[in-house]
Amino acid sequence: MIKSKFIAVLLFTIFISVYSLAPPAHAKEKGKLYVIGVGPAGPDLTAPKGLAVLEKADIFLCPPYIQKNFPEQIDAAKVAFDPWEGIHDEEAIKLRKTDYGKWLQRVEKRKKKVFNFVMDAIGRKKS
């Protein structure tokens, strides 16, 4: 049961890539956030535009299996962290069932970490 729920979560995993283009010298652009849904797929099932964004991205927030599925597009050194860590692993699934309030606190803490990281990266003109 846990495995099937975990697989379902993987199907809807959102891959977050913060991506920027070199702006003209006179522009004061900030970085950009791209959200690319890749699920458990690989490059052969991902839209060409999504692959192009992956290849140019500065920073990635994704689970390890995503980087492994896209080794040519996602440099492991550019993966900052897994935004789902502690939220959708087996231990977290058990916690959600036994102490939903504590699990929800964990989710809120993780959301803040991701939000703050992304806003900082955008401010530094990263993508």
Protein backbone atom coordinates (compact mmCIF):
# COMPACT_ATOMS: atom_id res chain seq x y z
CA MET A 1 0.00 0.00 0.00
CA ILE A 2 2.78 2.44 0.91
CA LYS A 3 4.61 1.60 -2.31
CA SER A 4 1.55 2.28 -4.47
CA LYS A 5 0.95 5.63 -2.74
CA PHE A 6 4.61 6.52 -3.14
CA ILE A 7 4.46 5.67 -6.85
CA ALA A 8 1.34 7.81 -7.19
CA VAL A 9 3.20 10.69 -5.56
CA LEU A 10 6.08 10.17 -7.99
CA LEU A 11 3.70 10.44 -10.91
CA PHE A 12 2.71 13.91 -9.79
CA THR A 13 6.06 15.07 -8.48
CA ILE A 14 6.77 18.57 -9.55
CA PHE A 15 10.29 19.23 -10.59
CA ILE A 16 11.37 22.75 -9.77
CA SER A 17 14.08 24.35 -11.80
CA VAL A 18 15.14 27.93 -11.24
CA TYR A 19 16.37 29.18 -14.61
CA SER A 20 17.73 32.47 -15.98
CA LEU A 21 18.80 33.89 -19.30
CA ALA A 22 21.57 36.43 -19.54
CA PRO A 23 19.69 39.74 -19.59
CA PRO A 24 20.86 42.72 -21.64
CA ALA A 25 23.30 44.95 -19.77
CA HIS A 26 20.67 47.66 -19.31
CA ALA A 27 18.02 45.30 -17.95
CA LYS A 28 17.57 44.70 -14.26
CA GLU A 29 15.82 41.36 -14.61
CA LYS A 30 15.59 38.89 -11.81
CA GLY A 31 15.96 35.15 -12.18
CA LYS A 32 13.08 32.96 -13.27
CA LEU A 33 11.32 30.00 -11.75
CA TYR A 34 10.31 27.18 -14.04
CA VAL A 35 8.18 24.32 -12.77
CA ILE A 36 8.50 21.27 -15.00
CA GLY A 37 6.37 18.22 -14.31
CA VAL A 38 8.32 15.10 -15.30
CA GLY A 39 6.82 12.42 -13.08
CA PRO A 40 8.76 9.15 -13.23
CA ALA A 41 9.47 9.62 -16.96
CA GLY A 42 12.75 10.18 -18.72
CA PRO A 43 13.99 12.52 -21.43
CA ASP A 44 12.33 10.59 -24.26
CA LEU A 45 8.87 11.37 -22.80
CA THR A 46 9.53 15.00 -21.84
CA ALA A 47 8.60 17.94 -24.08
CA PRO A 48 11.53 19.44 -26.01
CA LYS A 49 10.93 22.86 -24.46
CA GLY A 50 11.14 21.34 -20.98
CA LEU A 51 14.42 19.64 -21.87
CA ALA A 52 15.81 22.94 -23.19
CA VAL A 53 14.99 24.63 -19.88
CA LEU A 54 16.61 21.78 -17.94
CA GLU A 55 19.81 22.08 -19.95
CA LYS A 56 20.18 25.82 -19.21
CA ALA A 57 19.12 25.85 -15.56
CA ASP A 58 21.45 27.11 -12.83
CA ILE A 59 19.83 25.36 -9.86
CA PHE A 60 17.53 22.37 -9.39
CA LEU A 61 15.22 21.31 -6.59
CA CYS A 62 14.32 17.69 -7.24
CA PRO A 63 14.37 14.20 -5.76
CA PRO A 64 17.50 12.13 -6.55
CA TYR A 65 15.64 9.83 -8.95
CA ILE A 66 14.83 12.80 -11.23
CA GLN A 67 18.51 13.68 -11.61
CA LYS A 68 19.25 10.02 -12.33
CA ASN A 69 16.54 9.94 -15.02
CA PHE A 70 17.94 13.10 -16.65
CA PRO A 71 21.74 12.80 -16.30
CA GLU A 72 22.49 14.70 -19.51
CA GLN A 73 20.18 17.61 -18.63
CA ILE A 74 20.66 17.85 -14.85
CA ASP A 75 24.17 18.17 -13.46
CA ALA A 76 24.15 16.58 -10.00
CA ALA A 77 26.33 19.44 -8.73
CA LYS A 78 23.47 21.86 -9.53
CA VAL A 79 20.90 20.02 -7.38
CA ALA A 80 20.46 22.10 -4.23
CA PHE A 81 18.17 19.71 -2.33
CA ASP A 82 15.11 17.45 -2.53
CA PRO A 83 12.04 19.57 -1.77
CA TRP A 84 10.03 16.45 -0.87
CA GLU A 85 12.52 15.07 1.68
CA GLY A 86 10.82 14.32 4.99
CA ILE A 87 7.37 14.79 3.50
CA HIS A 88 6.80 11.82 1.19
CA ASP A 89 9.23 9.14 2.35
CA GLU A 90 8.09 5.99 4.22
CA GLU A 91 8.73 7.52 7.65
CA ALA A 92 6.72 10.62 6.73
CA ILE A 93 3.84 8.52 5.43
CA LYS A 94 3.71 6.69 8.79
CA LEU A 95 3.86 10.01 10.65
CA ARG A 96 1.00 11.39 8.55
CA LYS A 97 -1.12 8.42 9.62
CA THR A 98 -0.17 8.53 13.31
CA ASP A 99 0.28 12.25 13.99
CA TYR A 100 -1.17 14.30 11.18
CA GLY A 101 -0.57 17.59 13.02
CA LYS A 102 3.15 16.92 13.39
CA TRP A 103 3.39 15.88 9.74
CA LEU A 104 1.58 19.05 8.69
CA GLN A 105 4.07 21.15 10.71
CA ARG A 106 6.86 19.40 8.85
CA VAL A 107 5.20 20.21 5.52
CA GLU A 108 4.82 23.89 6.44
CA LYS A 109 8.47 24.09 7.51
CA ARG A 110 9.54 22.51 4.22
CA LYS A 111 7.34 24.89 2.21
CA LYS A 112 9.03 27.86 3.89
CA LYS A 113 12.49 26.45 3.15
CA VAL A 114 11.64 25.94 -0.52
CA PHE A 115 9.97 29.35 -0.84
CA ASN A 116 12.86 31.20 0.81
CA PHE A 117 15.43 29.36 -1.28
CA VAL A 118 13.60 30.07 -4.54
CA MET A 119 13.06 33.75 -3.72
CA ASP A 120 16.74 34.13 -2.83
CA ALA A 121 17.81 32.44 -6.08
CA ILE A 122 15.50 34.64 -8.14
CA GLY A 123 16.89 37.70 -6.40
CA ARG A 124 20.41 36.56 -7.34
CA LYS A 125 19.30 36.26 -11.00
CA LYS A 126 19.53 32.48 -10.98
CA SER A 127 17.22 30.20 -12.83
